[in-house]
C-alpha atoms as a PDB file:
ATOM      1  CA  MET A   1      30.899  25.093  -6.914  1.00  0.00           C
ATOM      2  CA  SER A   2      34.639  24.492  -6.132  1.00  0.00           C
ATOM      3  CA  ARG A   3      36.842  22.315  -8.376  1.00  0.00           C
ATOM      4  CA  ALA A   4      37.083  19.761  -5.528  1.00  0.00           C
ATOM      5  CA  ASP A   5      33.277  19.597  -5.240  1.00  0.00           C
ATOM      6  CA  SER A   6      32.871  18.671  -8.952  1.00  0.00           C
ATOM      7  CA  ALA A   7      35.802  16.285  -8.937  1.00  0.00           C
ATOM      8  CA  PRO A   8      35.071  12.539  -9.176  1.00  0.00           C
ATOM      9  CA  GLY A   9      36.187  12.196  -5.592  1.00  0.00           C
ATOM     10  CA  GLY A  10      33.394  14.563  -4.591  1.00  0.00           C
ATOM     11  CA  ALA A  11      30.826  12.267  -6.206  1.00  0.00           C
ATOM     12  CA  GLU A  12      32.334   9.205  -4.282  1.00  0.00           C
ATOM     13  CA  THR A  13      31.803  10.976  -0.971  1.00  0.00           C
ATOM     14  CA  THR A  14      28.352  12.018  -1.859  1.00  0.00           C
ATOM     15  CA  ALA A  15      27.144   8.480  -2.618  1.00  0.00           C
ATOM     16  CA  PRO A  16      27.851   6.970   0.790  1.00  0.00           C
ATOM     17  CA  THR A  17      26.142  10.156   2.301  1.00  0.00           C
ATOM     18  CA  LYS A  18      23.040   9.380   0.331  1.00  0.00           C
ATOM     19  CA  ARG A  19      23.124   5.869   1.173  1.00  0.00           C
ATOM     20  CA  ARG A  20      23.360   6.608   4.958  1.00  0.00           C
ATOM     21  CA  ARG A  21      20.584   9.066   4.766  1.00  0.00           C
ATOM     22  CA  SER A  22      18.459   6.440   2.969  1.00  0.00           C
ATOM     23  CA  GLN A  23      19.247   3.867   5.551  1.00  0.00           C
ATOM     24  CA  THR A  24      18.460   6.347   8.314  1.00  0.00           C
ATOM     25  CA  ARG A  25      15.115   7.251   6.802  1.00  0.00           C
ATOM     26  CA  GLN A  26      14.249   3.415   6.404  1.00  0.00           C
ATOM     27  CA  ARG A  27      15.245   2.735  10.008  1.00  0.00           C
ATOM     28  CA  LEU A  28      13.041   5.454  11.167  1.00  0.00           C
ATOM     29  CA  LEU A  29      10.109   4.103   8.959  1.00  0.00           C
ATOM     30  CA  ASP A  30      10.578   0.559  10.218  1.00  0.00           C
ATOM     31  CA  ALA A  31      10.636   1.840  13.879  1.00  0.00           C
ATOM     32  CA  ALA A  32       7.492   3.797  13.420  1.00  0.00           C
ATOM     33  CA  PHE A  33       5.639   0.987  11.889  1.00  0.00           C
ATOM     34  CA  ASP A  34       6.150  -1.173  14.979  1.00  0.00           C
ATOM     35  CA  ALA A  35       5.589   1.854  17.264  1.00  0.00           C
ATOM     36  CA  PHE A  36       2.307   2.726  15.585  1.00  0.00           C
ATOM     37  CA  ALA A  37       1.075  -0.772  15.546  1.00  0.00           C
ATOM     38  CA  ASP A  38       2.030  -1.615  19.055  1.00  0.00           C
ATOM     39  CA  ASP A  39       1.230   1.598  20.908  1.00  0.00           C
ATOM     40  CA  GLY A  40      -1.198   3.471  18.596  1.00  0.00           C
ATOM     41  CA  LEU A  41      -0.544   6.447  16.323  1.00  0.00           C
ATOM     42  CA  GLY A  42      -2.081   8.830  18.728  1.00  0.00           C
ATOM     43  CA  ARG A  43       0.167   7.951  21.579  1.00  0.00           C
ATOM     44  CA  CYS A  44       3.419   7.766  19.715  1.00  0.00           C
ATOM     45  CA  THR A  45       5.831  10.538  19.976  1.00  0.00           C
ATOM     46  CA  VAL A  46       9.023  11.544  17.961  1.00  0.00           C
ATOM     47  CA  GLU A  47      11.227  10.544  20.938  1.00  0.00           C
ATOM     48  CA  GLN A  48       9.749   7.044  21.170  1.00  0.00           C
ATOM     49  CA  ILE A  49      10.317   6.451  17.469  1.00  0.00           C
ATOM     50  CA  CYS A  50      13.932   7.835  17.654  1.00  0.00           C
ATOM     51  CA  GLU A  51      14.566   5.622  20.633  1.00  0.00           C
ATOM     52  CA  ARG A  52      13.320   2.502  18.844  1.00  0.00           C
ATOM     53  CA  ALA A  53      15.442   3.329  15.661  1.00  0.00           C
ATOM     54  CA  GLY A  54      18.522   4.561  17.784  1.00  0.00           C
ATOM     55  CA  PHE A  55      18.652   7.941  16.584  1.00  0.00           C
ATOM     56  CA  THR A  56      18.288  11.562  17.931  1.00  0.00           C
ATOM     57  CA  ARG A  57      15.470  14.039  17.193  1.00  0.00           C
ATOM     58  CA  GLY A  58      17.761  15.637  14.784  1.00  0.00           C
ATOM     59  CA  ALA A  59      17.969  12.617  12.529  1.00  0.00           C
ATOM     60  CA  PHE A  60      14.127  12.593  12.510  1.00  0.00           C
ATOM     61  CA  TYR A  61      13.531  16.084  11.655  1.00  0.00           C
ATOM     62  CA  SER A  62      16.391  15.976   8.915  1.00  0.00           C
ATOM     63  CA  ASN A  63      14.070  13.367   7.209  1.00  0.00           C
ATOM     64  CA  PHE A  64      10.456  14.231   8.289  1.00  0.00           C
ATOM     65  CA  THR A  65       8.774  17.375   9.462  1.00  0.00           C
ATOM     66  CA  SER A  66       5.927  15.430  11.402  1.00  0.00           C
ATOM     67  CA  LEU A  67       4.608  12.125  12.315  1.00  0.00           C
ATOM     68  CA  GLU A  68       1.946  12.774   9.544  1.00  0.00           C
ATOM     69  CA  GLU A  69       4.541  13.096   6.971  1.00  0.00           C
ATOM     70  CA  LEU A  70       6.344  10.052   8.263  1.00  0.00           C
ATOM     71  CA  PHE A  71       3.087   8.013   8.027  1.00  0.00           C
ATOM     72  CA  LEU A  72       2.255   9.335   4.505  1.00  0.00           C
ATOM     73  CA  ALA A  73       5.863   8.282   3.434  1.00  0.00           C
ATOM     74  CA  MET A  74       5.241   4.953   4.988  1.00  0.00           C
ATOM     75  CA  TRP A  75       1.822   4.613   3.181  1.00  0.00           C
ATOM     76  CA  GLU A  76       3.350   5.561  -0.117  1.00  0.00           C
ATOM     77  CA  GLN A  77       6.242   3.043   0.225  1.00  0.00           C
ATOM     78  CA  ARG A  78       3.809   0.155   1.182  1.00  0.00           C
ATOM     79  CA  SER A  79       1.382   1.024  -1.506  1.00  0.00           C
ATOM     80  CA  ALA A  80       4.128   0.963  -4.039  1.00  0.00           C
ATOM     81  CA  ALA A  81       5.259  -2.422  -2.820  1.00  0.00           C
ATOM     82  CA  MET A  82       1.860  -3.840  -3.106  1.00  0.00           C
ATOM     83  CA  LEU A  83       1.301  -2.512  -6.445  1.00  0.00           C
ATOM     84  CA  ASP A  84       4.612  -4.061  -7.583  1.00  0.00           C
ATOM     85  CA  GLN A  85       3.480  -7.437  -6.286  1.00  0.00           C
ATOM     86  CA  VAL A  86       0.220  -7.157  -8.151  1.00  0.00           C
ATOM     87  CA  ARG A  87       2.051  -6.054 -11.396  1.00  0.00           C
ATOM     88  CA  ALA A  88       4.266  -9.018 -10.859  1.00  0.00           C
ATOM     89  CA  VAL A  89       1.257 -11.255 -11.412  1.00  0.00           C
ATOM     90  CA  LEU A  90       1.147  -9.944 -15.084  1.00  0.00           C
ATOM     91  CA  ASP A  91       4.911 -10.290 -15.550  1.00  0.00           C
ATOM     92  CA  ALA A  92       4.549 -13.922 -14.571  1.00  0.00           C
ATOM     93  CA  ASP A  93       2.329 -14.528 -17.591  1.00  0.00           C
ATOM     94  CA  LEU A  94       0.009 -16.736 -15.558  1.00  0.00           C
ATOM     95  CA  ALA A  95      -2.607 -18.750 -17.481  1.00  0.00           C
ATOM     96  CA  VAL A  96      -5.968 -17.486 -16.080  1.00  0.00           C
ATOM     97  CA  THR A  97      -9.020 -19.207 -17.509  1.00  0.00           C
ATOM     98  CA  ASP A  98     -11.788 -17.599 -15.344  1.00  0.00           C
ATOM     99  CA  PRO A  99     -12.390 -14.672 -13.072  1.00  0.00           C
ATOM    100  CA  ARG A 100     -11.886 -16.810 -10.011  1.00  0.00           C
ATOM    101  CA  ALA A 101      -8.285 -17.530 -11.077  1.00  0.00           C
ATOM    102  CA  VAL A 102      -7.854 -13.847 -11.711  1.00  0.00           C
ATOM    103  CA  MET A 103      -9.095 -12.885  -8.189  1.00  0.00           C
ATOM    104  CA  GLU A 104      -7.167 -15.566  -6.458  1.00  0.00           C
ATOM    105  CA  HIS A 105      -3.857 -14.402  -7.944  1.00  0.00           C
ATOM    106  CA  VAL A 106      -4.567 -10.711  -7.120  1.00  0.00           C
ATOM    107  CA  LEU A 107      -5.474 -11.479  -3.558  1.00  0.00           C
ATOM    108  CA  ASP A 108      -2.369 -13.476  -3.052  1.00  0.00           C
ATOM    109  CA  ALA A 109      -0.479 -10.381  -3.969  1.00  0.00           C
ATOM    110  CA  VAL A 110      -2.341  -8.194  -1.414  1.00  0.00           C
ATOM    111  CA  PRO A 111      -1.744  -9.652   2.010  1.00  0.00           C
ATOM    112  CA  VAL A 112      -4.186  -9.191   4.978  1.00  0.00           C
ATOM    113  CA  ASP A 113      -1.759  -7.344   7.368  1.00  0.00           C
ATOM    114  CA  ASP A 114      -2.900  -7.051  11.057  1.00  0.00           C
ATOM    115  CA  LYS A 115      -0.416  -4.347  11.905  1.00  0.00           C
ATOM    116  CA  TRP A 116      -0.945  -2.279   8.888  1.00  0.00           C
ATOM    117  CA  PHE A 117      -4.641  -2.273   9.385  1.00  0.00           C
ATOM    118  CA  ARG A 118      -4.221  -1.101  12.843  1.00  0.00           C
ATOM    119  CA  ILE A 119      -2.230   1.709  11.765  1.00  0.00           C
ATOM    120  CA  THR A 120      -4.295   2.893   8.674  1.00  0.00           C
ATOM    121  CA  SER A 121      -7.669   2.595  10.525  1.00  0.00           C
ATOM    122  CA  GLU A 122      -6.236   4.964  13.218  1.00  0.00           C
ATOM    123  CA  PHE A 123      -4.857   7.314  10.625  1.00  0.00           C
ATOM    124  CA  THR A 124      -8.058   7.458   8.575  1.00  0.00           C
ATOM    125  CA  ALA A 125      -9.964   8.454  11.841  1.00  0.00           C
ATOM    126  CA  HIS A 126      -7.524  11.093  12.237  1.00  0.00           C
ATOM    127  CA  ALA A 127      -7.828  12.244   8.669  1.00  0.00           C
ATOM    128  CA  LEU A 128     -11.652  12.380   8.806  1.00  0.00           C
ATOM    129  CA  ARG A 129     -11.107  15.311  11.356  1.00  0.00           C
ATOM    130  CA  THR A 130      -8.415  16.988   9.308  1.00  0.00           C
ATOM    131  CA  PRO A 131      -9.766  18.179   5.895  1.00  0.00           C
ATOM    132  CA  PRO A 132      -6.289  18.620   4.301  1.00  0.00           C
ATOM    133  CA  LEU A 133      -5.308  14.976   5.077  1.00  0.00           C
ATOM    134  CA  ARG A 134      -8.581  13.788   4.080  1.00  0.00           C
ATOM    135  CA  ARG A 135      -8.188  15.158   0.647  1.00  0.00           C
ATOM    136  CA  LEU A 136      -4.634  13.741   0.399  1.00  0.00           C
ATOM    137  CA  MET A 137      -5.918  10.350   1.414  1.00  0.00           C
ATOM    138  CA  VAL A 138      -8.708  10.435  -1.261  1.00  0.00           C
ATOM    139  CA  ALA A 139      -6.264  11.392  -3.815  1.00  0.00           C
ATOM    140  CA  ARG A 140      -3.823   8.590  -2.738  1.00  0.00           C
ATOM    141  CA  GLU A 141      -6.794   6.056  -2.794  1.00  0.00           C
ATOM    142  CA  ALA A 142      -7.729   7.055  -6.252  1.00  0.00           C
ATOM    143  CA  ALA A 143      -4.152   6.714  -7.462  1.00  0.00           C
ATOM    144  CA  ILE A 144      -3.968   3.240  -6.062  1.00  0.00           C
ATOM    145  CA  SER A 145      -7.176   2.374  -7.681  1.00  0.00           C
ATOM    146  CA  ALA A 146      -6.095   3.765 -11.064  1.00  0.00           C
ATOM    147  CA  ALA A 147      -2.967   1.608 -10.789  1.00  0.00           C
ATOM    148  CA  LEU A 148      -4.537  -1.506  -9.745  1.00  0.00           C
ATOM    149  CA  THR A 149      -7.549  -1.643 -12.111  1.00  0.00           C
ATOM    150  CA  PRO A 150      -5.462  -1.932 -15.404  1.00  0.00           C
ATOM    151  CA  VAL A 151      -3.759  -4.947 -13.985  1.00  0.00           C
ATOM    152  CA  VAL A 152      -7.016  -6.673 -13.021  1.00  0.00           C
ATOM    153  CA  SER A 153      -8.429  -5.621 -16.420  1.00  0.00           C
ATOM    154  CA  THR A 154      -5.574  -7.206 -18.381  1.00  0.00           C
ATOM    155  CA  LEU A 155      -5.903 -10.434 -16.277  1.00  0.00           C
ATOM    156  CA  LEU A 156      -9.570 -10.572 -16.879  1.00  0.00           C
ATOM    157  CA  GLU A 157      -9.148 -10.063 -20.655  1.00  0.00           C
ATOM    158  CA  ARG A 158      -6.993 -13.044 -20.622  1.00  0.00           C
ATOM    159  CA  ALA A 159      -9.825 -14.859 -18.944  1.00  0.00           C
ATOM    160  CA  GLY A 160     -12.317 -13.733 -21.587  1.00  0.00           C
ATOM    161  CA  ARG A 161     -13.793 -10.823 -19.797  1.00  0.00           C
ATOM    162  CA  ARG A 162     -13.882  -7.154 -20.753  1.00  0.00           C
ATOM    163  CA  VAL A 163     -14.367  -4.456 -18.043  1.00  0.00           C
ATOM    164  CA  THR A 164     -17.206  -2.024 -18.823  1.00  0.00           C
ATOM    165  CA  ASP A 165     -16.548   0.561 -16.224  1.00  0.00           C
ATOM    166  CA  PRO A 166     -12.886   0.499 -14.947  1.00  0.00           C
ATOM    167  CA  PRO A 167     -13.108   3.393 -12.525  1.00  0.00           C
ATOM    168  CA  ALA A 168     -16.249   1.831 -10.945  1.00  0.00           C
ATOM    169  CA  LEU A 169     -14.620  -1.517 -10.848  1.00  0.00           C
ATOM    170  CA  GLY A 170     -11.576  -0.110  -9.014  1.00  0.00           C
ATOM    171  CA  ARG A 171     -13.824   1.584  -6.377  1.00  0.00           C
ATOM    172  CA  ALA A 172     -15.851  -1.378  -5.837  1.00  0.00           C
ATOM    173  CA  LEU A 173     -12.942  -3.783  -5.455  1.00  0.00           C
ATOM    174  CA  ILE A 174     -11.400  -1.429  -2.799  1.00  0.00           C
ATOM    175  CA  ALA A 175     -14.699  -1.239  -0.987  1.00  0.00           C
ATOM    176  CA  VAL A 176     -15.098  -5.108  -0.891  1.00  0.00           C
ATOM    177  CA  HIS A 177     -11.447  -5.457   0.363  1.00  0.00           C
ATOM    178  CA  ASP A 178     -11.634  -2.877   2.945  1.00  0.00           C
ATOM    179  CA  GLY A 179     -15.106  -4.143   4.153  1.00  0.00           C
ATOM    180  CA  THR A 180     -14.074  -7.751   4.472  1.00  0.00           C
ATOM    181  CA  LEU A 181     -10.447  -6.857   5.833  1.00  0.00           C
ATOM    182  CA  VAL A 182     -11.718  -6.662   9.558  1.00  0.00           C
ATOM    183  CA  GLN A 183     -13.691  -9.977   9.488  1.00  0.00           C
ATOM    184  CA  CYS A 184     -10.605 -11.614   8.053  1.00  0.00           C
ATOM    185  CA  LEU A 185      -8.601 -10.369  10.950  1.00  0.00           C
ATOM    186  CA  LEU A 186     -11.075 -11.196  13.565  1.00  0.00           C
ATOM    187  CA  GLU A 187     -11.411 -14.741  12.216  1.00  0.00           C
ATOM    188  CA  PRO A 188      -8.021 -15.671  10.578  1.00  0.00           C
ATOM    189  CA  ASP A 189      -8.670 -19.351  10.414  1.00  0.00           C
ATOM    190  CA  SER A 190     -12.163 -19.299   9.072  1.00  0.00           C
ATOM    191  CA  ALA A 191     -12.107 -21.002   5.693  1.00  0.00           C
ATOM    192  CA  GLU A 192     -15.836 -20.262   5.310  1.00  0.00           C
ATOM    193  CA  LEU A 193     -15.059 -16.528   5.516  1.00  0.00           C
ATOM    194  CA  ARG A 194     -12.289 -16.538   3.013  1.00  0.00           C
ATOM    195  CA  ALA A 195     -14.753 -18.295   0.667  1.00  0.00           C
ATOM    196  CA  TYR A 196     -17.370 -15.704   1.265  1.00  0.00           C
ATOM    197  CA  ARG A 197     -14.773 -12.996   0.645  1.00  0.00           C
ATOM    198  CA  LEU A 198     -13.813 -14.455  -2.605  1.00  0.00           C
ATOM    199  CA  ASP A 199     -17.334 -14.885  -3.636  1.00  0.00           C
ATOM    200  CA  LEU A 200     -17.967 -11.175  -2.998  1.00  0.00           C
ATOM    201  CA  PHE A 201     -15.147 -10.282  -5.200  1.00  0.00           C
ATOM    202  CA  LEU A 202     -16.368 -12.493  -7.939  1.00  0.00           C
ATOM    203  CA  ARG A 203     -19.873 -10.867  -7.805  1.00  0.00           C
ATOM    204  CA  VAL A 204     -18.153  -7.615  -8.286  1.00  0.00           C
ATOM    205  CA  LEU A 205     -16.192  -8.756 -11.346  1.00  0.00           C
ATOM    206  CA  GLU A 206     -19.274 -10.157 -12.732  1.00  0.00           C
ATOM    207  CA  SER A 207     -21.313  -6.731 -12.393  1.00  0.00           C
ATOM    208  CA  TYR A 208     -18.473  -4.780 -14.029  1.00  0.00           C
ATOM    209  CA  THR A 209     -17.540  -7.080 -16.818  1.00  0.00           C
ATOM    210  CA  GLU A 210     -18.935  -8.780 -19.931  1.00  0.00           C
ATOM    211  CA  PRO A 211     -17.738 -11.627 -22.076  1.00  0.00           C
ATOM    212  CA  VAL A 212     -15.183 -10.640 -24.616  1.00  0.00           C
ATOM    213  CA  ALA A 213     -16.772 -10.888 -28.311  1.00  0.00           C
ATOM    214  CA  HIS A 214     -15.040 -13.339 -30.605  1.00  0.00           C
END
């Protein structure tokens, strides 16, 4: 490394470069989100995403090796944002008095997103035909469950319930969420469906918790 590279001025020139690279990456992710949702993951090309983002193929391949890698980066980013929203429920120090209040707060932090569902459902079908991707998705789903369950457990403890089997609770909550998501998207204005969905979550909480002993 030269003296000029190690000088403070060198660090100053590196920071804007990193910032521009981060901005380029984010614009590609945003463009891909819209392209995947509008046109379908299987019909999108690198060129289409670059055109939407206003970049060349070179910009794409300096950030991602493939559309699959781009999707996984998108998934990781959106999962992290969702978990941050759920954890913020704890930071708010909400007064929860029963499991219903716990579930309502958690569900408020996990939005029902039409575009994201379209993207993930198509990629899931692709992963089912691609064993390495399938294993990766299983691992990431497990990581999301492992991060989400302690938050729910802490809120339930505030409400006077103890989780008896945290891993099973995490899997069951994800199963109910995924299973009712399509119905919510198909009937977004149905209050009856939303009430039914919440009732299913409460039944899961009841099955995997018990009153805290005093």
